[in-house]
Amino acid sequence: KEAIKNKVSDAQLELHTLDNTVAVKKNELMGLQETVHHLSKKVDDSNKANNEILDNIRLKEKTLIKIDAQLKSGKEAWDRAKFDKEKEIEITLHAKRQEADKQFATMQEQTVSKMMK
């Protein structure tokens, strides 16, 4: 009878020790779950921040593309205006040369005519 009591007592002590071990492991598990939850939140926050940064970069890229297109368009307009102005000057110079040539020819004729008299 005493041996059975001792075995029951030993079993109860072992059960109590196992219950304590289970409780410690549950606490450790809860701590790990909190850590996982905390890290998961940090990862989510980090991903959100990264997405905001990427969105900002994409927006800046779009803005730069628009600015580049505007610069290219402005340069093309400038080049066209410059070409048109150069053509206009060339035409004006040609017309003035022709006029000067006519005046020179007229003056020559007048000079020759005066010399013949």
PDB file of N, CA and C in Angstrom:
ATOM      1  N   LYS A   1       0.830  -1.178   0.000  1.00  0.00           N
ATOM      2  CA  LYS A   1       0.000   0.000   0.000  1.00  0.00           C
ATOM      3  C   LYS A   1       0.883   1.254   0.000  1.00  0.00           C
ATOM      4  N   GLU A   2       1.943   1.234   0.755  1.00  0.00           N
ATOM      5  CA  GLU A   2       2.851   2.373   0.838  1.00  0.00           C
ATOM      6  C   GLU A   2       3.540   2.606  -0.501  1.00  0.00           C
ATOM      7  N   ALA A   3       3.905   1.542  -1.152  1.00  0.00           N
ATOM      8  CA  ALA A   3       4.572   1.636  -2.445  1.00  0.00           C
ATOM      9  C   ALA A   3       3.643   2.276  -3.462  1.00  0.00           C
ATOM     10  N   ILE A   4       2.365   1.918  -3.400  1.00  0.00           N
ATOM     11  CA  ILE A   4       1.381   2.489  -4.325  1.00  0.00           C
ATOM     12  C   ILE A   4       1.220   3.967  -4.029  1.00  0.00           C
ATOM     13  N   LYS A   5       1.176   4.322  -2.729  1.00  0.00           N
ATOM     14  CA  LYS A   5       1.063   5.726  -2.356  1.00  0.00           C
ATOM     15  C   LYS A   5       2.268   6.509  -2.892  1.00  0.00           C
ATOM     16  N   ASN A   6       3.452   5.900  -2.753  1.00  0.00           N
ATOM     17  CA  ASN A   6       4.658   6.563  -3.247  1.00  0.00           C
ATOM     18  C   ASN A   6       4.599   6.733  -4.759  1.00  0.00           C
ATOM     19  N   LYS A   7       4.135   5.697  -5.443  1.00  0.00           N
ATOM     20  CA  LYS A   7       4.034   5.776  -6.905  1.00  0.00           C
ATOM     21  C   LYS A   7       3.017   6.839  -7.301  1.00  0.00           C
ATOM     22  N   VAL A   8       1.893   6.902  -6.604  1.00  0.00           N
ATOM     23  CA  VAL A   8       0.876   7.913  -6.898  1.00  0.00           C
ATOM     24  C   VAL A   8       1.458   9.292  -6.619  1.00  0.00           C
ATOM     25  N   SER A   9       2.167   9.413  -5.500  1.00  0.00           N
ATOM     26  CA  SER A   9       2.772  10.688  -5.147  1.00  0.00           C
ATOM     27  C   SER A   9       3.810  11.094  -6.197  1.00  0.00           C
ATOM     28  N   ASP A  10       4.638  10.104  -6.606  1.00  0.00           N
ATOM     29  CA  ASP A  10       5.641  10.382  -7.646  1.00  0.00           C
ATOM     30  C   ASP A  10       4.961  10.778  -8.954  1.00  0.00           C
ATOM     31  N   ALA A  11       3.884  10.075  -9.285  1.00  0.00           N
ATOM     32  CA  ALA A  11       3.161  10.385 -10.525  1.00  0.00           C
ATOM     33  C   ALA A  11       2.551  11.777 -10.451  1.00  0.00           C
ATOM     34  N   GLN A  12       1.983  12.128  -9.274  1.00  0.00           N
ATOM     35  CA  GLN A  12       1.406  13.452  -9.114  1.00  0.00           C
ATOM     36  C   GLN A  12       2.491  14.533  -9.218  1.00  0.00           C
ATOM     37  N   LEU A  13       3.655  14.248  -8.615  1.00  0.00           N
ATOM     38  CA  LEU A  13       4.764  15.196  -8.685  1.00  0.00           C
ATOM     39  C   LEU A  13       5.240  15.356 -10.130  1.00  0.00           C
ATOM     40  N   GLU A  14       5.320  14.210 -10.829  1.00  0.00           N
ATOM     41  CA  GLU A  14       5.735  14.263 -12.240  1.00  0.00           C
ATOM     42  C   GLU A  14       4.692  15.008 -13.065  1.00  0.00           C
ATOM     43  N   LEU A  15       3.417  14.765 -12.782  1.00  0.00           N
ATOM     44  CA  LEU A  15       2.332  15.451 -13.485  1.00  0.00           C
ATOM     45  C   LEU A  15       2.402  16.948 -13.200  1.00  0.00           C
ATOM     46  N   HIS A  16       2.648  17.307 -11.936  1.00  0.00           N
ATOM     47  CA  HIS A  16       2.770  18.717 -11.570  1.00  0.00           C
ATOM     48  C   HIS A  16       3.964  19.351 -12.300  1.00  0.00           C
ATOM     49  N   THR A  17       5.087  18.619 -12.346  1.00  0.00           N
ATOM     50  CA  THR A  17       6.279  19.117 -13.047  1.00  0.00           C
ATOM     51  C   THR A  17       5.971  19.293 -14.532  1.00  0.00           C
ATOM     52  N   LEU A  18       5.271  18.315 -15.106  1.00  0.00           N
ATOM     53  CA  LEU A  18       4.902  18.416 -16.525  1.00  0.00           C
ATOM     54  C   LEU A  18       3.936  19.584 -16.750  1.00  0.00           C
ATOM     55  N   ASP A  19       2.995  19.784 -15.842  1.00  0.00           N
ATOM     56  CA  ASP A  19       2.076  20.922 -15.949  1.00  0.00           C
ATOM     57  C   ASP A  19       2.859  22.237 -15.919  1.00  0.00           C
ATOM     58  N   ASN A  20       3.855  22.309 -15.002  1.00  0.00           N
ATOM     59  CA  ASN A  20       4.692  23.510 -14.942  1.00  0.00           C
ATOM     60  C   ASN A  20       5.468  23.686 -16.245  1.00  0.00           C
ATOM     61  N   THR A  21       6.004  22.581 -16.767  1.00  0.00           N
ATOM     62  CA  THR A  21       6.757  22.645 -18.029  1.00  0.00           C
ATOM     63  C   THR A  21       5.846  23.116 -19.151  1.00  0.00           C
ATOM     64  N   VAL A  22       4.630  22.573 -19.203  1.00  0.00           N
ATOM     65  CA  VAL A  22       3.658  22.985 -20.222  1.00  0.00           C
ATOM     66  C   VAL A  22       3.339  24.472 -20.064  1.00  0.00           C
ATOM     67  N   ALA A  23       3.151  24.933 -18.864  1.00  0.00           N
ATOM     68  CA  ALA A  23       2.851  26.347 -18.618  1.00  0.00           C
ATOM     69  C   ALA A  23       4.012  27.224 -19.071  1.00  0.00           C
ATOM     70  N   VAL A  24       5.252  26.822 -18.776  1.00  0.00           N
ATOM     71  CA  VAL A  24       6.430  27.585 -19.201  1.00  0.00           C
ATOM     72  C   VAL A  24       6.490  27.625 -20.720  1.00  0.00           C
ATOM     73  N   LYS A  25       6.281  26.442 -21.346  1.00  0.00           N
ATOM     74  CA  LYS A  25       6.327  26.380 -22.813  1.00  0.00           C
ATOM     75  C   LYS A  25       5.204  27.215 -23.427  1.00  0.00           C
ATOM     76  N   LYS A  26       4.022  27.239 -22.806  1.00  0.00           N
ATOM     77  CA  LYS A  26       2.924  28.080 -23.304  1.00  0.00           C
ATOM     78  C   LYS A  26       3.321  29.550 -23.236  1.00  0.00           C
ATOM     79  N   ASN A  27       3.948  29.945 -22.108  1.00  0.00           N
ATOM     80  CA  ASN A  27       4.400  31.331 -21.966  1.00  0.00           C
ATOM     81  C   ASN A  27       5.448  31.663 -23.022  1.00  0.00           C
ATOM     82  N   GLU A  28       6.383  30.734 -23.249  1.00  0.00           N
ATOM     83  CA  GLU A  28       7.399  30.953 -24.282  1.00  0.00           C
ATOM     84  C   GLU A  28       6.742  31.094 -25.651  1.00  0.00           C
ATOM     85  N   LEU A  29       5.760  30.210 -25.908  1.00  0.00           N
ATOM     86  CA  LEU A  29       5.045  30.250 -27.185  1.00  0.00           C
ATOM     87  C   LEU A  29       4.309  31.577 -27.341  1.00  0.00           C
ATOM     88  N   MET A  30       3.670  32.039 -26.278  1.00  0.00           N
ATOM     89  CA  MET A  30       2.960  33.319 -26.348  1.00  0.00           C
ATOM     90  C   MET A  30       3.955  34.455 -26.613  1.00  0.00           C
ATOM     91  N   GLY A  31       5.121  34.390 -25.977  1.00  0.00           N
ATOM     92  CA  GLY A  31       6.154  35.401 -26.211  1.00  0.00           C
ATOM     93  C   GLY A  31       6.622  35.375 -27.663  1.00  0.00           C
ATOM     94  N   LEU A  32       6.818  34.179 -28.184  1.00  0.00           N
ATOM     95  CA  LEU A  32       7.226  34.049 -29.583  1.00  0.00           C
ATOM     96  C   LEU A  32       6.132  34.551 -30.525  1.00  0.00           C
ATOM     97  N   GLN A  33       4.876  34.246 -30.185  1.00  0.00           N
ATOM     98  CA  GLN A  33       3.762  34.729 -31.014  1.00  0.00           C
ATOM     99  C   GLN A  33       3.705  36.258 -31.009  1.00  0.00           C
ATOM    100  N   GLU A  34       3.958  36.863 -29.842  1.00  0.00           N
ATOM    101  CA  GLU A  34       3.994  38.329 -29.767  1.00  0.00           C
ATOM    102  C   GLU A  34       5.135  38.880 -30.622  1.00  0.00           C
ATOM    103  N   THR A  35       6.274  38.217 -30.533  1.00  0.00           N
ATOM    104  CA  THR A  35       7.423  38.642 -31.334  1.00  0.00           C
ATOM    105  C   THR A  35       7.107  38.526 -32.820  1.00  0.00           C
ATOM    106  N   VAL A  36       6.509  37.412 -33.224  1.00  0.00           N
ATOM    107  CA  VAL A  36       6.126  37.214 -34.629  1.00  0.00           C
ATOM    108  C   VAL A  36       5.139  38.289 -35.054  1.00  0.00           C
ATOM    109  N   HIS A  37       4.158  38.566 -34.220  1.00  0.00           N
ATOM    110  CA  HIS A  37       3.159  39.597 -34.532  1.00  0.00           C
ATOM    111  C   HIS A  37       3.843  40.965 -34.674  1.00  0.00           C
ATOM    112  N   HIS A  38       4.745  41.270 -33.761  1.00  0.00           N
ATOM    113  CA  HIS A  38       5.467  42.548 -33.792  1.00  0.00           C
ATOM    114  C   HIS A  38       6.312  42.651 -35.066  1.00  0.00           C
ATOM    115  N   LEU A  39       7.037  41.578 -35.380  1.00  0.00           N
ATOM    116  CA  LEU A  39       7.865  41.578 -36.589  1.00  0.00           C
ATOM    117  C   LEU A  39       7.008  41.649 -37.845  1.00  0.00           C
ATOM    118  N   SER A  40       5.878  40.970 -37.826  1.00  0.00           N
ATOM    119  CA  SER A  40       4.960  41.000 -38.969  1.00  0.00           C
ATOM    120  C   SER A  40       4.456  42.426 -39.195  1.00  0.00           C
ATOM    121  N   LYS A  41       4.144  43.117 -38.097  1.00  0.00           N
ATOM    122  CA  LYS A  41       3.698  44.503 -38.210  1.00  0.00           C
ATOM    123  C   LYS A  41       4.823  45.380 -38.770  1.00  0.00           C
ATOM    124  N   LYS A  42       6.061  45.137 -38.297  1.00  0.00           N
ATOM    125  CA  LYS A  42       7.194  45.903 -38.814  1.00  0.00           C
ATOM    126  C   LYS A  42       7.382  45.649 -40.310  1.00  0.00           C
ATOM    127  N   VAL A  43       7.244  44.401 -40.717  1.00  0.00           N
ATOM    128  CA  VAL A  43       7.378  44.057 -42.141  1.00  0.00           C
ATOM    129  C   VAL A  43       6.279  44.758 -42.945  1.00  0.00           C
ATOM    130  N   ASP A  44       5.051  44.725 -42.425  1.00  0.00           N
ATOM    131  CA  ASP A  44       3.945  45.400 -43.107  1.00  0.00           C
ATOM    132  C   ASP A  44       4.213  46.903 -43.230  1.00  0.00           C
ATOM    133  N   ASP A  45       4.671  47.515 -42.133  1.00  0.00           N
ATOM    134  CA  ASP A  45       4.991  48.949 -42.153  1.00  0.00           C
ATOM    135  C   ASP A  45       6.114  49.248 -43.146  1.00  0.00           C
ATOM    136  N   SER A  46       7.104  48.369 -43.150  1.00  0.00           N
ATOM    137  CA  SER A  46       8.229  48.542 -44.069  1.00  0.00           C
ATOM    138  C   SER A  46       7.761  48.406 -45.524  1.00  0.00           C
ATOM    139  N   ASN A  47       6.920  47.413 -45.777  1.00  0.00           N
ATOM    140  CA  ASN A  47       6.385  47.237 -47.137  1.00  0.00           C
ATOM    141  C   ASN A  47       5.557  48.450 -47.562  1.00  0.00           C
ATOM    142  N   LYS A  48       4.781  48.979 -46.631  1.00  0.00           N
ATOM    143  CA  LYS A  48       3.971  50.166 -46.932  1.00  0.00           C
ATOM    144  C   LYS A  48       4.877  51.347 -47.269  1.00  0.00           C
ATOM    145  N   ALA A  49       5.917  51.539 -46.467  1.00  0.00           N
ATOM    146  CA  ALA A  49       6.857  52.636 -46.715  1.00  0.00           C
ATOM    147  C   ALA A  49       7.561  52.440 -48.061  1.00  0.00           C
ATOM    148  N   ASN A  50       7.972  51.205 -48.352  1.00  0.00           N
ATOM    149  CA  ASN A  50       8.617  50.919 -49.641  1.00  0.00           C
ATOM    150  C   ASN A  50       7.677  51.217 -50.798  1.00  0.00           C
ATOM    151  N   ASN A  51       6.412  50.830 -50.656  1.00  0.00           N
ATOM    152  CA  ASN A  51       5.438  51.101 -51.715  1.00  0.00           C
ATOM    153  C   ASN A  51       5.240  52.603 -51.909  1.00  0.00           C
ATOM    154  N   GLU A  52       5.217  53.344 -50.802  1.00  0.00           N
ATOM    155  CA  GLU A  52       5.089  54.805 -50.909  1.00  0.00           C
ATOM    156  C   GLU A  52       6.302  55.396 -51.624  1.00  0.00           C
ATOM    157  N   ILE A  53       7.483  54.884 -51.296  1.00  0.00           N
ATOM    158  CA  ILE A  53       8.709  55.364 -51.947  1.00  0.00           C
ATOM    159  C   ILE A  53       8.656  55.034 -53.445  1.00  0.00           C
ATOM    160  N   LEU A  54       8.257  53.803 -53.765  1.00  0.00           N
ATOM    161  CA  LEU A  54       8.167  53.412 -55.181  1.00  0.00           C
ATOM    162  C   LEU A  54       7.141  54.259 -55.924  1.00  0.00           C
ATOM    163  N   ASP A  55       6.005  54.518 -55.286  1.00  0.00           N
ATOM    164  CA  ASP A  55       4.993  55.379 -55.912  1.00  0.00           C
ATOM    165  C   ASP A  55       5.556  56.773 -56.165  1.00  0.00           C
ATOM    166  N   ASN A  56       6.298  57.285 -55.187  1.00  0.00           N
ATOM    167  CA  ASN A  56       6.911  58.610 -55.321  1.00  0.00           C
ATOM    168  C   ASN A  56       7.932  58.615 -56.457  1.00  0.00           C
ATOM    169  N   ILE A  57       8.716  57.550 -56.553  1.00  0.00           N
ATOM    170  CA  ILE A  57       9.714  57.446 -57.634  1.00  0.00           C
ATOM    171  C   ILE A  57       9.008  57.394 -58.979  1.00  0.00           C
ATOM    172  N   ARG A  58       7.945  56.590 -59.083  1.00  0.00           N
ATOM    173  CA  ARG A  58       7.191  56.497 -60.345  1.00  0.00           C
ATOM    174  C   ARG A  58       6.610  57.859 -60.733  1.00  0.00           C
ATOM    175  N   LEU A  59       6.084  58.579 -59.743  1.00  0.00           N
ATOM    176  CA  LEU A  59       5.529  59.901 -59.996  1.00  0.00           C
ATOM    177  C   LEU A  59       6.612  60.847 -60.510  1.00  0.00           C
ATOM    178  N   LYS A  60       7.783  60.798 -59.881  1.00  0.00           N
ATOM    179  CA  LYS A  60       8.891  61.649 -60.320  1.00  0.00           C
ATOM    180  C   LYS A  60       9.354  61.250 -61.723  1.00  0.00           C
ATOM    181  N   GLU A  61       9.365  59.943 -62.011  1.00  0.00           N
ATOM    182  CA  GLU A  61       9.745  59.493 -63.354  1.00  0.00           C
ATOM    183  C   GLU A  61       8.759  60.026 -64.389  1.00  0.00           C
ATOM    184  N   LYS A  62       7.459  59.952 -64.073  1.00  0.00           N
ATOM    185  CA  LYS A  62       6.446  60.474 -65.003  1.00  0.00           C
ATOM    186  C   LYS A  62       6.639  61.973 -65.213  1.00  0.00           C
ATOM    187  N   THR A  63       6.922  62.684 -64.111  1.00  0.00           N
ATOM    188  CA  THR A  63       7.146  64.122 -64.207  1.00  0.00           C
ATOM    189  C   THR A  63       8.365  64.412 -65.079  1.00  0.00           C
ATOM    190  N   LEU A  64       9.446  63.653 -64.874  1.00  0.00           N
ATOM    191  CA  LEU A  64      10.657  63.846 -65.683  1.00  0.00           C
ATOM    192  C   LEU A  64      10.394  63.540 -67.159  1.00  0.00           C
ATOM    193  N   ILE A  65       9.589  62.520 -67.423  1.00  0.00           N
ATOM    194  CA  ILE A  65       9.249  62.187 -68.813  1.00  0.00           C
ATOM    195  C   ILE A  65       8.468  63.339 -69.443  1.00  0.00           C
ATOM    196  N   LYS A  66       7.527  63.909 -68.682  1.00  0.00           N
ATOM    197  CA  LYS A  66       6.754  65.048 -69.196  1.00  0.00           C
ATOM    198  C   LYS A  66       7.665  66.253 -69.452  1.00  0.00           C
ATOM    199  N   ILE A  67       8.562  66.520 -68.497  1.00  0.00           N
ATOM    200  CA  ILE A  67       9.482  67.651 -68.655  1.00  0.00           C
ATOM    201  C   ILE A  67      10.383  67.424 -69.862  1.00  0.00           C
ATOM    202  N   ASP A  68      10.878  66.199 -70.020  1.00  0.00           N
ATOM    203  CA  ASP A  68      11.729  65.874 -71.161  1.00  0.00           C
ATOM    204  C   ASP A  68      10.967  66.084 -72.468  1.00  0.00           C
ATOM    205  N   ALA A  69       9.709  65.653 -72.505  1.00  0.00           N
ATOM    206  CA  ALA A  69       8.893  65.842 -73.716  1.00  0.00           C
ATOM    207  C   ALA A  69       8.686  67.332 -73.995  1.00  0.00           C
ATOM    208  N   GLN A  70       8.436  68.107 -72.935  1.00  0.00           N
ATOM    209  CA  GLN A  70       8.260  69.545 -73.109  1.00  0.00           C
ATOM    210  C   GLN A  70       9.549  70.198 -73.609  1.00  0.00           C
ATOM    211  N   LEU A  71      10.687  69.773 -73.049  1.00  0.00           N
ATOM    212  CA  LEU A  71      11.970  70.321 -73.500  1.00  0.00           C
ATOM    213  C   LEU A  71      12.229  69.966 -74.960  1.00  0.00           C
ATOM    214  N   LYS A  72      11.936  68.717 -75.307  1.00  0.00           N
ATOM    215  CA  LYS A  72      12.146  68.276 -76.685  1.00  0.00           C
ATOM    216  C   LYS A  72      11.234  69.054 -77.629  1.00  0.00           C
ATOM    217  N   SER A  73       9.973  69.219 -77.218  1.00  0.00           N
ATOM    218  CA  SER A  73       9.023  69.968 -78.033  1.00  0.00           C
ATOM    219  C   SER A  73       9.462  71.423 -78.174  1.00  0.00           C
ATOM    220  N   GLY A  74       9.925  72.007 -77.065  1.00  0.00           N
ATOM    221  CA  GLY A  74      10.405  73.390 -77.093  1.00  0.00           C
ATOM    222  C   GLY A  74      11.623  73.535 -77.982  1.00  0.00           C
ATOM    223  N   LYS A  75      12.527  72.571 -77.916  1.00  0.00           N
ATOM    224  CA  LYS A  75      13.724  72.615 -78.758  1.00  0.00           C
ATOM    225  C   LYS A  75      13.336  72.485 -80.231  1.00  0.00           C
ATOM    226  N   GLU A  76      12.394  71.587 -80.519  1.00  0.00           N
ATOM    227  CA  GLU A  76      11.948  71.434 -81.905  1.00  0.00           C
ATOM    228  C   GLU A  76      11.301  72.726 -82.405  1.00  0.00           C
ATOM    229  N   ALA A  77      10.478  73.358 -81.561  1.00  0.00           N
ATOM    230  CA  ALA A  77       9.841  74.625 -81.942  1.00  0.00           C
ATOM    231  C   ALA A  77      10.912  75.693 -82.152  1.00  0.00           C
ATOM    232  N   TRP A  78      11.907  75.739 -81.248  1.00  0.00           N
ATOM    233  CA  TRP A  78      12.993  76.701 -81.386  1.00  0.00           C
ATOM    234  C   TRP A  78      13.758  76.458 -82.687  1.00  0.00           C
ATOM    235  N   ASP A  79      14.066  75.194 -82.963  1.00  0.00           N
ATOM    236  CA  ASP A  79      14.797  74.861 -84.193  1.00  0.00           C
ATOM    237  C   ASP A  79      14.003  75.266 -85.434  1.00  0.00           C
ATOM    238  N   ARG A  80      12.678  75.019 -85.408  1.00  0.00           N
ATOM    239  CA  ARG A  80      11.831  75.412 -86.546  1.00  0.00           C
ATOM    240  C   ARG A  80      11.823  76.929 -86.709  1.00  0.00           C
ATOM    241  N   ALA A  81      11.646  77.639 -85.594  1.00  0.00           N
ATOM    242  CA  ALA A  81      11.609  79.110 -85.648  1.00  0.00           C
ATOM    243  C   ALA A  81      12.954  79.652 -86.138  1.00  0.00           C
ATOM    244  N   LYS A  82      14.044  79.062 -85.658  1.00  0.00           N
ATOM    245  CA  LYS A  82      15.381  79.490 -86.080  1.00  0.00           C
ATOM    246  C   LYS A  82      15.560  79.252 -87.581  1.00  0.00           C
ATOM    247  N   PHE A  83      15.148  78.067 -88.034  1.00  0.00           N
ATOM    248  CA  PHE A  83      15.257  77.740 -89.456  1.00  0.00           C
ATOM    249  C   PHE A  83      14.427  78.715 -90.289  1.00  0.00           C
ATOM    250  N   ASP A  84      13.178  78.961 -89.833  1.00  0.00           N
ATOM    251  CA  ASP A  84      12.300  79.893 -90.561  1.00  0.00           C
ATOM    252  C   ASP A  84      12.915  81.289 -90.601  1.00  0.00           C
ATOM    253  N   LYS A  85      13.481  81.743 -89.475  1.00  0.00           N
ATOM    254  CA  LYS A  85      14.088  83.081 -89.421  1.00  0.00           C
ATOM    255  C   LYS A  85      15.313  83.140 -90.330  1.00  0.00           C
ATOM    256  N   GLU A  86      16.115  82.075 -90.329  1.00  0.00           N
ATOM    257  CA  GLU A  86      17.294  82.046 -91.208  1.00  0.00           C
ATOM    258  C   GLU A  86      16.865  82.097 -92.677  1.00  0.00           C
ATOM    259  N   LYS A  87      15.819  81.366 -93.017  1.00  0.00           N
ATOM    260  CA  LYS A  87      15.305  81.391 -94.397  1.00  0.00           C
ATOM    261  C   LYS A  87      14.813  82.786 -94.757  1.00  0.00           C
ATOM    262  N   GLU A  88      14.082  83.396 -93.814  1.00  0.00           N
ATOM    263  CA  GLU A  88      13.555  84.744 -94.036  1.00  0.00           C
ATOM    264  C   GLU A  88      14.707  85.729 -94.265  1.00  0.00           C
ATOM    265  N   ILE A  89      15.752  85.632 -93.453  1.00  0.00           N
ATOM    266  CA  ILE A  89      16.917  86.512 -93.596  1.00  0.00           C
ATOM    267  C   ILE A  89      17.605  86.249 -94.935  1.00  0.00           C
ATOM    268  N   GLU A  90      17.720  84.978 -95.276  1.00  0.00           N
ATOM    269  CA  GLU A  90      18.355  84.611 -96.546  1.00  0.00           C
ATOM    270  C   GLU A  90      17.580  85.197 -97.729  1.00  0.00           C
ATOM    271  N   ILE A  91      16.241  85.102 -97.687  1.00  0.00           N
ATOM    272  CA  ILE A  91      15.395  85.646 -98.755  1.00  0.00           C
ATOM    273  C   ILE A  91      15.534  87.163 -98.815  1.00  0.00           C
ATOM    274  N   THR A  92      15.523  87.802 -97.635  1.00  0.00           N
ATOM    275  CA  THR A  92      15.668  89.262 -97.572  1.00  0.00           C
ATOM    276  C   THR A  92      17.025  89.682 -98.124  1.00  0.00           C
ATOM    277  N   LEU A  93      18.096  88.989 -97.735  1.00  0.00           N
ATOM    278  CA  LEU A  93      19.431  89.310 -98.247  1.00  0.00           C
ATOM    279  C   LEU A  93      19.505  89.128 -99.762  1.00  0.00           C
ATOM    280  N   HIS A  94      18.909  88.068-100.249  1.00  0.00           N
ATOM    281  CA  HIS A  94      18.904  87.813-101.689  1.00  0.00           C
ATOM    282  C   HIS A  94      18.184  88.949-102.432  1.00  0.00           C
ATOM    283  N   ALA A  95      17.037  89.352-101.870  1.00  0.00           N
ATOM    284  CA  ALA A  95      16.271  90.440-102.489  1.00  0.00           C
ATOM    285  C   ALA A  95      17.082  91.744-102.460  1.00  0.00           C
ATOM    286  N   LYS A  96      17.764  92.019-101.343  1.00  0.00           N
ATOM    287  CA  LYS A  96      18.560  93.240-101.235  1.00  0.00           C
ATOM    288  C   LYS A  96      19.760  93.195-102.185  1.00  0.00           C
ATOM    289  N   ARG A  97      20.359  92.008-102.343  1.00  0.00           N
ATOM    290  CA  ARG A  97      21.465  91.877-103.300  1.00  0.00           C
ATOM    291  C   ARG A  97      20.986  92.152-104.722  1.00  0.00           C
ATOM    292  N   GLN A  98      19.811  91.588-105.040  1.00  0.00           N
ATOM    293  CA  GLN A  98      19.260  91.818-106.385  1.00  0.00           C
ATOM    294  C   GLN A  98      19.001  93.310-106.610  1.00  0.00           C
ATOM    295  N   GLU A  99      18.420  93.951-105.588  1.00  0.00           N
ATOM    296  CA  GLU A  99      18.134  95.385-105.679  1.00  0.00           C
ATOM    297  C   GLU A  99      19.437  96.163-105.830  1.00  0.00           C
ATOM    298  N   ALA A 100      20.445  95.802-105.043  1.00  0.00           N
ATOM    299  CA  ALA A 100      21.742  96.483-105.125  1.00  0.00           C
ATOM    300  C   ALA A 100      22.365  96.262-106.499  1.00  0.00           C
ATOM    301  N   ASP A 101      22.252  95.043-107.018  1.00  0.00           N
ATOM    302  CA  ASP A 101      22.786  94.744-108.358  1.00  0.00           C
ATOM    303  C   ASP A 101      22.075  95.599-109.415  1.00  0.00           C
ATOM    304  N   LYS A 102      20.749  95.742-109.280  1.00  0.00           N
ATOM    305  CA  LYS A 102      19.980  96.563-110.234  1.00  0.00           C
ATOM    306  C   LYS A 102      20.442  98.027-110.163  1.00  0.00           C
ATOM    307  N   GLN A 103      20.577  98.511-108.901  1.00  0.00           N
ATOM    308  CA  GLN A 103      21.013  99.902-108.734  1.00  0.00           C
ATOM    309  C   GLN A 103      22.420 100.108-109.297  1.00  0.00           C
ATOM    310  N   PHE A 104      23.296  99.130-109.066  1.00  0.00           N
ATOM    311  CA  PHE A 104      24.654  99.222-109.579  1.00  0.00           C
ATOM    312  C   PHE A 104      24.650  99.236-111.113  1.00  0.00           C
ATOM    313  N   ALA A 105      23.811  98.342-111.696  1.00  0.00           N
ATOM    314  CA  ALA A 105      23.708  98.291-113.157  1.00  0.00           C
ATOM    315  C   ALA A 105      23.174  99.623-113.688  1.00  0.00           C
ATOM    316  N   THR A 106      22.189 100.197-113.028  1.00  0.00           N
ATOM    317  CA  THR A 106      21.620 101.473-113.442  1.00  0.00           C
ATOM    318  C   THR A 106      22.682 102.561-113.347  1.00  0.00           C
ATOM    319  N   MET A 107      23.439 102.582-112.260  1.00  0.00           N
ATOM    320  CA  MET A 107      24.484 103.580-112.087  1.00  0.00           C
ATOM    321  C   MET A 107      25.570 103.424-113.159  1.00  0.00           C
ATOM    322  N   GLN A 108      25.877 102.179-113.502  1.00  0.00           N
ATOM    323  CA  GLN A 108      26.876 101.938-114.542  1.00  0.00           C
ATOM    324  C   GLN A 108      26.377 102.468-115.889  1.00  0.00           C
ATOM    325  N   GLU A 109      25.117 102.169-116.159  1.00  0.00           N
ATOM    326  CA  GLU A 109      24.535 102.644-117.416  1.00  0.00           C
ATOM    327  C   GLU A 109      24.553 104.179-117.472  1.00  0.00           C
ATOM    328  N   GLN A 110      24.198 104.800-116.352  1.00  0.00           N
ATOM    329  CA  GLN A 110      24.201 106.251-116.295  1.00  0.00           C
ATOM    330  C   GLN A 110      25.603 106.811-116.489  1.00  0.00           C
ATOM    331  N   THR A 111      26.566 106.153-115.859  1.00  0.00           N
ATOM    332  CA  THR A 111      27.957 106.598-115.984  1.00  0.00           C
ATOM    333  C   THR A 111      28.439 106.442-117.416  1.00  0.00           C
ATOM    334  N   VAL A 112      28.129 105.293-118.022  1.00  0.00           N
ATOM    335  CA  VAL A 112      28.535 105.064-119.415  1.00  0.00           C
ATOM    336  C   VAL A 112      27.830 106.079-120.314  1.00  0.00           C
ATOM    337  N   SER A 113      26.582 106.321-120.064  1.00  0.00           N
ATOM    338  CA  SER A 113      25.783 107.259-120.841  1.00  0.00           C
ATOM    339  C   SER A 113      26.361 108.667-120.741  1.00  0.00           C
ATOM    340  N   LYS A 114      26.798 109.065-119.549  1.00  0.00           N
ATOM    341  CA  LYS A 114      27.390 110.392-119.347  1.00  0.00           C
ATOM    342  C   LYS A 114      28.736 110.489-120.047  1.00  0.00           C
ATOM    343  N   MET A 115      29.461 109.376-120.029  1.00  0.00           N
ATOM    344  CA  MET A 115      30.760 109.392-120.662  1.00  0.00           C
ATOM    345  C   MET A 115      30.628 109.462-122.167  1.00  0.00           C
ATOM    346  N   MET A 116      29.547 108.988-122.685  1.00  0.00           N
ATOM    347  CA  MET A 116      29.342 108.968-124.133  1.00  0.00           C
ATOM    348  C   MET A 116      28.917 110.342-124.638  1.00  0.00           C
ATOM    349  N   LYS A 117      28.437 111.144-123.823  1.00  0.00           N
ATOM    350  CA  LYS A 117      27.938 112.445-124.258  1.00  0.00           C
ATOM    351  C   LYS A 117      29.013 113.395-124.519  1.00  0.00           C
TER     352      LYS A 117
END
